Amino acid sequence: MKKCVAALVFAAILLCGCKTNTELSQNASVISVESSEESSSSEESSTSSEPASTTESTSSEHRSTESTSSESIPTTYEEKYPYGLTSLGIVWEYPFDKELSYDFASSEVIKGLERNYGRTGEDFGYEGEWCAIILSQLISEAGYDIYYQYNPCDLTIELLNDGYAHFYCLRQENYDSLVEWGLQNTDRVINTTREEFVPKRGDFICYLWTEEAEEYNWSHIGMVAEDYDGTYIRTIEGNIGAGRDPLYHAIEARERFYDDTVIGFIRLDER
């Protein structure tokens, strides 16, 4: 998401960047995620969750990650996935066939993403970047009294100021931007490191893409789908997909590095 700079609400709707902390009312044109009957078995502009600064097409992004040759099995991440930027991520098969845990405060939020897996921005009626708005909506439907927010910075501020969550911060500039744009409950920010913090299923994960790091502080937000195993972070996220048009981005699963593109985690508290 973009650095926190003052902007019109209209621009905040179009961009998934951190611009203002304006409290936006619930949009009646947004389809209720809670009432969706879509099957879960289907499968930040450069504020798009997956910037199109890559030559990969949609079809290549969705290509199988299985080795096509039994004689040449890739042994490193670079060999297995030689093409993508970290922001593009790697498509992985969401483990719907496993017995998934829901013993955490954000369980209803991740259930909502799972239930709507594969649905696009167009399906929901969103008109701009929507990685944060989909989570805002699901958090609200789970009983947390928050306004819908259109970017990760404002969503983090909202949750912390309302006493609903803690932010595990990996980057000083992101703490500074939270304070600049309205964070009052600074005691709810916990400064930590990648070595210390182990992501858990149900955490909200915040990103700053490498190609945006010189200009912005926030790029994208999703959810950790599996406890971190020391290799890659596996997620479920809204507003992801190749290309720049968020109408055709979807809720999908990704596998990513736990590197400096990850700038923090929000852990929701029990109500």
C-alpha atoms as a PDB file:
ATOM      1  CA  MET A   1       0.000   0.000   0.000  1.00  0.00           C
ATOM      2  CA  LYS A   2       1.160   3.497  -0.640  1.00  0.00           C
ATOM      3  CA  LYS A   3       2.880   5.758   1.852  1.00  0.00           C
ATOM      4  CA  CYS A   4       0.628   7.738   4.097  1.00  0.00           C
ATOM      5  CA  VAL A   5       0.054  11.018   2.205  1.00  0.00           C
ATOM      6  CA  ALA A   6      -3.039  13.152   2.413  1.00  0.00           C
ATOM      7  CA  ALA A   7      -5.461  12.374  -0.382  1.00  0.00           C
ATOM      8  CA  LEU A   8      -9.097  12.692  -1.321  1.00  0.00           C
ATOM      9  CA  VAL A   9     -11.445   9.919  -0.249  1.00  0.00           C
ATOM     10  CA  PHE A  10     -12.053   9.266  -3.939  1.00  0.00           C
ATOM     11  CA  ALA A  11      -8.363   8.475  -4.361  1.00  0.00           C
ATOM     12  CA  ALA A  12      -8.409   6.297  -1.251  1.00  0.00           C
ATOM     13  CA  ILE A  13     -11.078   4.169  -2.864  1.00  0.00           C
ATOM     14  CA  LEU A  14      -9.107   3.764  -6.077  1.00  0.00           C
ATOM     15  CA  LEU A  15      -5.765   3.075  -4.439  1.00  0.00           C
ATOM     16  CA  CYS A  16      -4.878   0.510  -1.817  1.00  0.00           C
ATOM     17  CA  GLY A  17      -2.250   2.871  -0.249  1.00  0.00           C
ATOM     18  CA  CYS A  18      -2.057   4.493   3.148  1.00  0.00           C
ATOM     19  CA  LYS A  19      -3.385   8.016   2.554  1.00  0.00           C
ATOM     20  CA  THR A  20      -5.871   9.123   5.191  1.00  0.00           C
ATOM     21  CA  ASN A  21      -7.578   7.717   8.216  1.00  0.00           C
ATOM     22  CA  THR A  22     -11.008   8.876   7.063  1.00  0.00           C
ATOM     23  CA  GLU A  23     -13.713   6.694   8.474  1.00  0.00           C
ATOM     24  CA  LEU A  24     -15.594   5.312   5.510  1.00  0.00           C
ATOM     25  CA  SER A  25     -19.128   4.117   5.946  1.00  0.00           C
ATOM     26  CA  GLN A  26     -20.240   0.732   4.772  1.00  0.00           C
ATOM     27  CA  ASN A  27     -20.871   0.693   1.048  1.00  0.00           C
ATOM     28  CA  ALA A  28     -24.278  -0.648   0.173  1.00  0.00           C
ATOM     29  CA  SER A  29     -23.045  -1.764  -3.236  1.00  0.00           C
ATOM     30  CA  VAL A  30     -20.634  -4.260  -1.675  1.00  0.00           C
ATOM     31  CA  ILE A  31     -21.940  -7.789  -1.660  1.00  0.00           C
ATOM     32  CA  SER A  32     -22.163  -9.250   1.836  1.00  0.00           C
ATOM     33  CA  VAL A  33     -19.391 -11.781   2.204  1.00  0.00           C
ATOM     34  CA  GLU A  34     -21.037 -13.384   5.203  1.00  0.00           C
ATOM     35  CA  SER A  35     -24.128 -14.319   3.233  1.00  0.00           C
ATOM     36  CA  SER A  36     -22.280 -15.606   0.196  1.00  0.00           C
ATOM     37  CA  GLU A  37     -23.225 -19.078  -0.931  1.00  0.00           C
ATOM     38  CA  GLU A  38     -20.188 -19.587  -3.127  1.00  0.00           C
ATOM     39  CA  SER A  39     -18.512 -22.947  -2.674  1.00  0.00           C
ATOM     40  CA  SER A  40     -15.157 -22.963  -0.933  1.00  0.00           C
ATOM     41  CA  SER A  41     -14.014 -25.905  -3.026  1.00  0.00           C
ATOM     42  CA  SER A  42     -13.291 -23.720  -6.129  1.00  0.00           C
ATOM     43  CA  GLU A  43     -10.385 -22.250  -6.264  1.00  0.00           C
ATOM     44  CA  GLU A  44      -0.811  -2.935  -3.346  1.00  0.00           C
ATOM     45  CA  SER A  45      -1.522   0.591  -9.162  1.00  0.00           C
ATOM     46  CA  SER A  46       1.137  -0.632  -8.521  1.00  0.00           C
ATOM     47  CA  THR A  47      -1.001  -0.764  -5.331  1.00  0.00           C
ATOM     48  CA  SER A  48      -2.414  -3.869  -6.854  1.00  0.00           C
ATOM     49  CA  SER A  49      -1.528  -6.706  -4.559  1.00  0.00           C
ATOM     50  CA  GLU A  50       0.500  -8.123  -7.410  1.00  0.00           C
ATOM     51  CA  PRO A  51       2.128  -5.415  -9.553  1.00  0.00           C
ATOM     52  CA  ALA A  52       2.292  -6.118 -13.251  1.00  0.00           C
ATOM     53  CA  SER A  53       5.983  -5.267 -13.517  1.00  0.00           C
ATOM     54  CA  THR A  54       6.682  -8.796 -14.665  1.00  0.00           C
ATOM     55  CA  THR A  55       6.550 -10.423 -18.044  1.00  0.00           C
ATOM     56  CA  GLU A  56       4.540 -13.333 -16.712  1.00  0.00           C
ATOM     57  CA  SER A  57       1.004 -13.695 -17.984  1.00  0.00           C
ATOM     58  CA  THR A  58      -1.954 -14.866 -15.954  1.00  0.00           C
ATOM     59  CA  SER A  59      -1.617 -18.349 -17.342  1.00  0.00           C
ATOM     60  CA  SER A  60       2.063 -18.600 -16.448  1.00  0.00           C
ATOM     61  CA  GLU A  61       1.383 -17.282 -12.961  1.00  0.00           C
ATOM     62  CA  HIS A  62      -1.118 -20.052 -12.459  1.00  0.00           C
ATOM     63  CA  ARG A  63       1.059 -22.741 -13.948  1.00  0.00           C
ATOM     64  CA  SER A  64       1.656 -25.850 -11.916  1.00  0.00           C
ATOM     65  CA  THR A  65       4.484 -25.757  -9.416  1.00  0.00           C
ATOM     66  CA  GLU A  66       5.040 -29.488  -9.900  1.00  0.00           C
ATOM     67  CA  SER A  67       8.275 -30.526 -11.562  1.00  0.00           C
ATOM     68  CA  THR A  68       7.688 -31.622 -15.157  1.00  0.00           C
ATOM     69  CA  SER A  69      10.727 -33.831 -15.222  1.00  0.00           C
ATOM     70  CA  SER A  70      11.431 -36.667 -12.853  1.00  0.00           C
ATOM     71  CA  GLU A  71      15.098 -36.405 -13.827  1.00  0.00           C
ATOM     72  CA  SER A  72      15.464 -32.730 -12.877  1.00  0.00           C
ATOM     73  CA  ILE A  73      13.801 -31.961  -9.566  1.00  0.00           C
ATOM     74  CA  PRO A  74      14.401 -28.371  -8.383  1.00  0.00           C
ATOM     75  CA  THR A  75      16.111 -28.142  -5.013  1.00  0.00           C
ATOM     76  CA  THR A  76      15.947 -24.411  -4.292  1.00  0.00           C
ATOM     77  CA  TYR A  77      13.197 -21.819  -4.300  1.00  0.00           C
ATOM     78  CA  GLU A  78      14.903 -19.987  -7.181  1.00  0.00           C
ATOM     79  CA  GLU A  79      15.052 -23.157  -9.274  1.00  0.00           C
ATOM     80  CA  LYS A  80      11.471 -24.071  -8.557  1.00  0.00           C
ATOM     81  CA  TYR A  81      10.088 -20.558  -9.065  1.00  0.00           C
ATOM     82  CA  PRO A  82      12.582 -18.693 -11.271  1.00  0.00           C
ATOM     83  CA  TYR A  83      10.197 -16.137 -12.748  1.00  0.00           C
ATOM     84  CA  GLY A  84       8.231 -14.193 -10.169  1.00  0.00           C
ATOM     85  CA  LEU A  85       8.787 -11.145  -8.048  1.00  0.00           C
ATOM     86  CA  THR A  86       8.132 -11.624  -4.358  1.00  0.00           C
ATOM     87  CA  SER A  87       5.045  -9.479  -4.845  1.00  0.00           C
ATOM     88  CA  LEU A  88       3.708 -11.902  -7.418  1.00  0.00           C
ATOM     89  CA  GLY A  89       3.942 -14.817  -5.052  1.00  0.00           C
ATOM     90  CA  ILE A  90       3.553 -18.455  -5.938  1.00  0.00           C
ATOM     91  CA  VAL A  91       0.162 -20.070  -6.359  1.00  0.00           C
ATOM     92  CA  TRP A  92      -0.280 -23.030  -4.061  1.00  0.00           C
ATOM     93  CA  GLU A  93      -3.191 -25.368  -3.568  1.00  0.00           C
ATOM     94  CA  TYR A  94      -5.220 -24.326  -0.551  1.00  0.00           C
ATOM     95  CA  PRO A  95      -5.562 -27.301   1.827  1.00  0.00           C
ATOM     96  CA  PHE A  96      -9.348 -27.540   1.844  1.00  0.00           C
ATOM     97  CA  ASP A  97      -9.019 -31.312   2.150  1.00  0.00           C
ATOM     98  CA  LYS A  98      -7.224 -31.029   5.499  1.00  0.00           C
ATOM     99  CA  GLU A  99      -8.781 -30.651   8.915  1.00  0.00           C
ATOM    100  CA  LEU A 100      -8.116 -26.953   9.417  1.00  0.00           C
ATOM    101  CA  SER A 101      -7.875 -25.259  12.818  1.00  0.00           C
ATOM    102  CA  TYR A 102     -10.172 -22.379  13.718  1.00  0.00           C
ATOM    103  CA  ASP A 103      -9.092 -21.923  17.330  1.00  0.00           C
ATOM    104  CA  PHE A 104      -8.138 -18.248  17.086  1.00  0.00           C
ATOM    105  CA  ALA A 105      -9.877 -14.868  17.278  1.00  0.00           C
ATOM    106  CA  SER A 106      -9.933 -14.244  13.522  1.00  0.00           C
ATOM    107  CA  SER A 107     -11.449 -17.624  12.684  1.00  0.00           C
ATOM    108  CA  GLU A 108     -14.622 -16.143  11.176  1.00  0.00           C
ATOM    109  CA  VAL A 109     -12.527 -13.891   8.962  1.00  0.00           C
ATOM    110  CA  ILE A 110     -10.501 -16.711   7.466  1.00  0.00           C
ATOM    111  CA  LYS A 111     -13.655 -18.778   7.077  1.00  0.00           C
ATOM    112  CA  GLY A 112     -15.100 -15.939   5.025  1.00  0.00           C
ATOM    113  CA  LEU A 113     -12.071 -15.923   2.733  1.00  0.00           C
ATOM    114  CA  GLU A 114     -12.219 -19.686   2.372  1.00  0.00           C
ATOM    115  CA  ARG A 115     -15.932 -19.644   1.663  1.00  0.00           C
ATOM    116  CA  ASN A 116     -15.436 -17.066  -1.083  1.00  0.00           C
ATOM    117  CA  TYR A 117     -12.265 -18.551  -2.532  1.00  0.00           C
ATOM    118  CA  GLY A 118     -11.850 -17.692  -6.208  1.00  0.00           C
ATOM    119  CA  ARG A 119     -14.312 -14.811  -6.242  1.00  0.00           C
ATOM    120  CA  THR A 120     -13.140 -11.600  -7.900  1.00  0.00           C
ATOM    121  CA  GLY A 121     -13.447  -7.888  -7.203  1.00  0.00           C
ATOM    122  CA  GLU A 122     -16.114  -7.777  -9.870  1.00  0.00           C
ATOM    123  CA  ASP A 123     -18.079 -10.499  -8.077  1.00  0.00           C
ATOM    124  CA  PHE A 124     -18.081  -8.453  -4.879  1.00  0.00           C
ATOM    125  CA  GLY A 125     -18.881  -5.163  -6.599  1.00  0.00           C
ATOM    126  CA  TYR A 126     -15.632  -3.495  -5.541  1.00  0.00           C
ATOM    127  CA  GLU A 127     -14.482  -0.599  -7.723  1.00  0.00           C
ATOM    128  CA  GLY A 128     -10.831  -0.325  -6.661  1.00  0.00           C
ATOM    129  CA  GLU A 129      -8.108  -2.102  -4.736  1.00  0.00           C
ATOM    130  CA  TRP A 130      -9.760  -4.294  -2.129  1.00  0.00           C
ATOM    131  CA  CYS A 131      -7.230  -6.328  -0.135  1.00  0.00           C
ATOM    132  CA  ALA A 132      -8.041  -4.329   3.038  1.00  0.00           C
ATOM    133  CA  ILE A 133     -11.744  -3.713   2.426  1.00  0.00           C
ATOM    134  CA  ILE A 134     -12.524  -7.442   2.178  1.00  0.00           C
ATOM    135  CA  LEU A 135     -10.846  -7.992   5.550  1.00  0.00           C
ATOM    136  CA  SER A 136     -12.586  -4.945   7.050  1.00  0.00           C
ATOM    137  CA  GLN A 137     -15.920  -6.340   5.963  1.00  0.00           C
ATOM    138  CA  LEU A 138     -15.258  -9.800   7.338  1.00  0.00           C
ATOM    139  CA  ILE A 139     -13.909  -8.420  10.634  1.00  0.00           C
ATOM    140  CA  SER A 140     -17.031  -6.282  10.982  1.00  0.00           C
ATOM    141  CA  GLU A 141     -19.290  -9.240  10.238  1.00  0.00           C
ATOM    142  CA  ALA A 142     -17.415 -11.213  12.900  1.00  0.00           C
ATOM    143  CA  GLY A 143     -18.686  -8.749  15.505  1.00  0.00           C
ATOM    144  CA  TYR A 144     -15.902  -6.160  15.716  1.00  0.00           C
ATOM    145  CA  ASP A 145     -17.310  -2.637  15.531  1.00  0.00           C
ATOM    146  CA  ILE A 146     -15.079  -1.062  12.883  1.00  0.00           C
ATOM    147  CA  TYR A 147     -15.475   1.102   9.808  1.00  0.00           C
ATOM    148  CA  TYR A 148     -14.546  -0.333   6.452  1.00  0.00           C
ATOM    149  CA  GLN A 149     -10.986   0.690   5.558  1.00  0.00           C
ATOM    150  CA  TYR A 150      -9.443   0.710   2.097  1.00  0.00           C
ATOM    151  CA  ASN A 151      -5.776   0.233   2.977  1.00  0.00           C
ATOM    152  CA  PRO A 152      -3.647  -1.721   5.486  1.00  0.00           C
ATOM    153  CA  CYS A 153      -2.389   1.382   7.328  1.00  0.00           C
ATOM    154  CA  ASP A 154      -5.869   2.667   8.165  1.00  0.00           C
ATOM    155  CA  LEU A 155      -7.144  -0.816   9.005  1.00  0.00           C
ATOM    156  CA  THR A 156      -4.254  -1.322  11.441  1.00  0.00           C
ATOM    157  CA  ILE A 157      -4.918   2.059  13.082  1.00  0.00           C
ATOM    158  CA  GLU A 158      -8.621   1.276  13.391  1.00  0.00           C
ATOM    159  CA  LEU A 159      -8.075  -2.100  15.033  1.00  0.00           C
ATOM    160  CA  LEU A 160      -5.419  -0.839  17.462  1.00  0.00           C
ATOM    161  CA  ASN A 161      -7.234   2.331  18.495  1.00  0.00           C
ATOM    162  CA  ASP A 162     -10.397   0.316  19.143  1.00  0.00           C
ATOM    163  CA  GLY A 163      -8.445  -2.135  21.296  1.00  0.00           C
ATOM    164  CA  TYR A 164      -9.170  -5.099  19.048  1.00  0.00           C
ATOM    165  CA  ALA A 165      -5.654  -6.182  18.066  1.00  0.00           C
ATOM    166  CA  HIS A 166      -1.890  -5.889  18.442  1.00  0.00           C
ATOM    167  CA  PHE A 167       0.539  -5.047  15.646  1.00  0.00           C
ATOM    168  CA  TYR A 168       3.846  -6.912  15.564  1.00  0.00           C
ATOM    169  CA  CYS A 169       6.029  -4.374  13.764  1.00  0.00           C
ATOM    170  CA  LEU A 170       9.116  -5.405  11.794  1.00  0.00           C
ATOM    171  CA  ARG A 171       9.933  -2.000  10.295  1.00  0.00           C
ATOM    172  CA  GLN A 172      10.346   1.356  12.078  1.00  0.00           C
ATOM    173  CA  GLU A 173       8.953   3.364   9.166  1.00  0.00           C
ATOM    174  CA  ASN A 174       5.641   1.568   9.457  1.00  0.00           C
ATOM    175  CA  TYR A 175       5.356   2.396  13.136  1.00  0.00           C
ATOM    176  CA  ASP A 176       6.127   6.027  12.276  1.00  0.00           C
ATOM    177  CA  SER A 177       3.419   6.099   9.616  1.00  0.00           C
ATOM    178  CA  LEU A 178       0.849   4.644  12.005  1.00  0.00           C
ATOM    179  CA  VAL A 179       1.586   7.399  14.524  1.00  0.00           C
ATOM    180  CA  GLU A 180       1.575  10.073  11.816  1.00  0.00           C
ATOM    181  CA  TRP A 181      -1.842   9.036  10.568  1.00  0.00           C
ATOM    182  CA  GLY A 182      -3.687   8.719  13.844  1.00  0.00           C
ATOM    183  CA  LEU A 183      -2.508   5.815  15.999  1.00  0.00           C
ATOM    184  CA  GLN A 184      -3.204   6.622  19.648  1.00  0.00           C
ATOM    185  CA  ASN A 185      -2.840   3.246  21.349  1.00  0.00           C
ATOM    186  CA  THR A 186       0.883   2.935  20.701  1.00  0.00           C
ATOM    187  CA  ASP A 187       1.162   0.372  23.492  1.00  0.00           C
ATOM    188  CA  ARG A 188      -0.553  -2.042  21.109  1.00  0.00           C
ATOM    189  CA  VAL A 189       2.473  -2.013  18.810  1.00  0.00           C
ATOM    190  CA  ILE A 190       5.086  -4.628  19.615  1.00  0.00           C
ATOM    191  CA  ASN A 191       8.444  -4.100  17.924  1.00  0.00           C
ATOM    192  CA  THR A 192       9.917  -7.429  16.955  1.00  0.00           C
ATOM    193  CA  THR A 193      12.096  -9.187  14.367  1.00  0.00           C
ATOM    194  CA  ARG A 194      11.663 -11.986  11.848  1.00  0.00           C
ATOM    195  CA  GLU A 195      13.833 -14.165  14.029  1.00  0.00           C
ATOM    196  CA  GLU A 196      11.592 -13.606  17.053  1.00  0.00           C
ATOM    197  CA  PHE A 197       8.094 -13.559  15.585  1.00  0.00           C
ATOM    198  CA  VAL A 198       6.586 -16.797  14.301  1.00  0.00           C
ATOM    199  CA  PRO A 199       3.508 -16.192  12.113  1.00  0.00           C
ATOM    200  CA  LYS A 200       0.445 -18.228  13.007  1.00  0.00           C
ATOM    201  CA  ARG A 201      -2.623 -19.229  11.061  1.00  0.00           C
ATOM    202  CA  GLY A 202      -5.133 -16.392  11.419  1.00  0.00           C
ATOM    203  CA  ASP A 203      -2.599 -13.551  11.628  1.00  0.00           C
ATOM    204  CA  PHE A 204      -3.046 -10.660   9.192  1.00  0.00           C
ATOM    205  CA  ILE A 205       0.171 -10.183   7.244  1.00  0.00           C
ATOM    206  CA  CYS A 206       1.240  -6.759   5.892  1.00  0.00           C
ATOM    207  CA  TYR A 207       3.600  -6.294   2.940  1.00  0.00           C
ATOM    208  CA  LEU A 208       5.737  -3.628   1.302  1.00  0.00           C
ATOM    209  CA  TRP A 209       6.852  -4.811  -2.124  1.00  0.00           C
ATOM    210  CA  THR A 210      10.505  -4.330  -3.024  1.00  0.00           C
ATOM    211  CA  GLU A 211       9.613  -2.340  -6.143  1.00  0.00           C
ATOM    212  CA  GLU A 212       7.599   0.113  -4.007  1.00  0.00           C
ATOM    213  CA  ALA A 213       9.871   0.400  -0.950  1.00  0.00           C
ATOM    214  CA  GLU A 214      11.501   3.696  -1.964  1.00  0.00           C
ATOM    215  CA  GLU A 215       8.177   5.456  -2.352  1.00  0.00           C
ATOM    216  CA  TYR A 216       5.648   3.856  -0.028  1.00  0.00           C
ATOM    217  CA  ASN A 217       5.262   2.217   3.377  1.00  0.00           C
ATOM    218  CA  TRP A 218       2.380  -0.206   2.788  1.00  0.00           C
ATOM    219  CA  SER A 219       1.513  -2.334  -0.240  1.00  0.00           C
ATOM    220  CA  HIS A 220      -0.838  -5.165   0.641  1.00  0.00           C
ATOM    221  CA  ILE A 221      -2.490  -7.224   3.382  1.00  0.00           C
ATOM    222  CA  GLY A 222      -3.625 -10.831   3.591  1.00  0.00           C
ATOM    223  CA  MET A 223      -3.977 -13.667   6.106  1.00  0.00           C
ATOM    224  CA  VAL A 224      -1.580 -16.383   7.186  1.00  0.00           C
ATOM    225  CA  ALA A 225      -3.199 -19.693   6.292  1.00  0.00           C
ATOM    226  CA  GLU A 226      -0.741 -22.104   7.892  1.00  0.00           C
ATOM    227  CA  ASP A 227       1.566 -21.832  10.896  1.00  0.00           C
ATOM    228  CA  TYR A 228       5.011 -20.808   9.664  1.00  0.00           C
ATOM    229  CA  ASP A 229       7.228 -23.871   9.280  1.00  0.00           C
ATOM    230  CA  GLY A 230      10.550 -22.112   8.736  1.00  0.00           C
ATOM    231  CA  THR A 231      10.434 -22.283   4.940  1.00  0.00           C
ATOM    232  CA  TYR A 232       7.765 -20.091   3.327  1.00  0.00           C
ATOM    233  CA  ILE A 233       4.707 -18.190   4.538  1.00  0.00           C
ATOM    234  CA  ARG A 234       1.527 -19.636   3.063  1.00  0.00           C
ATOM    235  CA  THR A 235      -1.396 -17.263   2.855  1.00  0.00           C
ATOM    236  CA  ILE A 236      -4.929 -16.632   1.682  1.00  0.00           C
ATOM    237  CA  GLU A 237      -5.403 -13.115   0.285  1.00  0.00           C
ATOM    238  CA  GLY A 238      -7.916 -10.957  -1.503  1.00  0.00           C
ATOM    239  CA  ASN A 239      -7.162  -8.761  -4.523  1.00  0.00           C
ATOM    240  CA  ILE A 240      -4.379 -10.867  -5.985  1.00  0.00           C
ATOM    241  CA  GLY A 241      -3.682 -11.918  -9.542  1.00  0.00           C
ATOM    242  CA  ALA A 242      -1.586 -10.919 -12.537  1.00  0.00           C
ATOM    243  CA  GLY A 243      -2.397  -7.647 -14.271  1.00  0.00           C
ATOM    244  CA  ARG A 244      -3.410  -4.257 -12.927  1.00  0.00           C
ATOM    245  CA  ASP A 245      -7.198  -4.436 -12.915  1.00  0.00           C
ATOM    246  CA  PRO A 246      -8.495  -5.253  -9.408  1.00  0.00           C
ATOM    247  CA  LEU A 247     -11.865  -6.194 -10.878  1.00  0.00           C
ATOM    248  CA  TYR A 248     -10.278  -9.440 -12.006  1.00  0.00           C
ATOM    249  CA  HIS A 249      -8.088 -10.067  -8.991  1.00  0.00           C
ATOM    250  CA  ALA A 250      -9.428 -12.770  -6.712  1.00  0.00           C
ATOM    251  CA  ILE A 251      -9.226 -14.460  -3.337  1.00  0.00           C
ATOM    252  CA  GLU A 252      -6.438 -16.991  -3.764  1.00  0.00           C
ATOM    253  CA  ALA A 253      -3.651 -18.757  -1.889  1.00  0.00           C
ATOM    254  CA  ARG A 254       0.008 -17.771  -2.104  1.00  0.00           C
ATOM    255  CA  GLU A 255       3.391 -19.000  -0.943  1.00  0.00           C
ATOM    256  CA  ARG A 256       5.896 -16.247  -0.151  1.00  0.00           C
ATOM    257  CA  PHE A 257       9.299 -15.601   1.402  1.00  0.00           C
ATOM    258  CA  TYR A 258       9.434 -14.431   5.017  1.00  0.00           C
ATOM    259  CA  ASP A 259      11.767 -11.589   4.050  1.00  0.00           C
ATOM    260  CA  ASP A 260      11.941  -7.796   4.273  1.00  0.00           C
ATOM    261  CA  THR A 261       8.835  -7.421   2.112  1.00  0.00           C
ATOM    262  CA  VAL A 262       6.916  -8.534   5.216  1.00  0.00           C
ATOM    263  CA  ILE A 263       6.663  -5.453   7.435  1.00  0.00           C
ATOM    264  CA  GLY A 264       4.363  -6.632  10.215  1.00  0.00           C
ATOM    265  CA  PHE A 265       1.512  -8.763  11.475  1.00  0.00           C
ATOM    266  CA  ILE A 266      -1.826  -7.912  13.066  1.00  0.00           C
ATOM    267  CA  ARG A 267      -3.074 -10.423  15.619  1.00  0.00           C
ATOM    268  CA  LEU A 268      -6.733  -9.995  16.489  1.00  0.00           C
ATOM    269  CA  ASP A 269      -7.755 -10.226  20.154  1.00  0.00           C
ATOM    270  CA  GLU A 270     -10.780 -12.142  21.352  1.00  0.00           C
ATOM    271  CA  ARG A 271     -13.806  -9.907  21.795  1.00  0.00           C
END
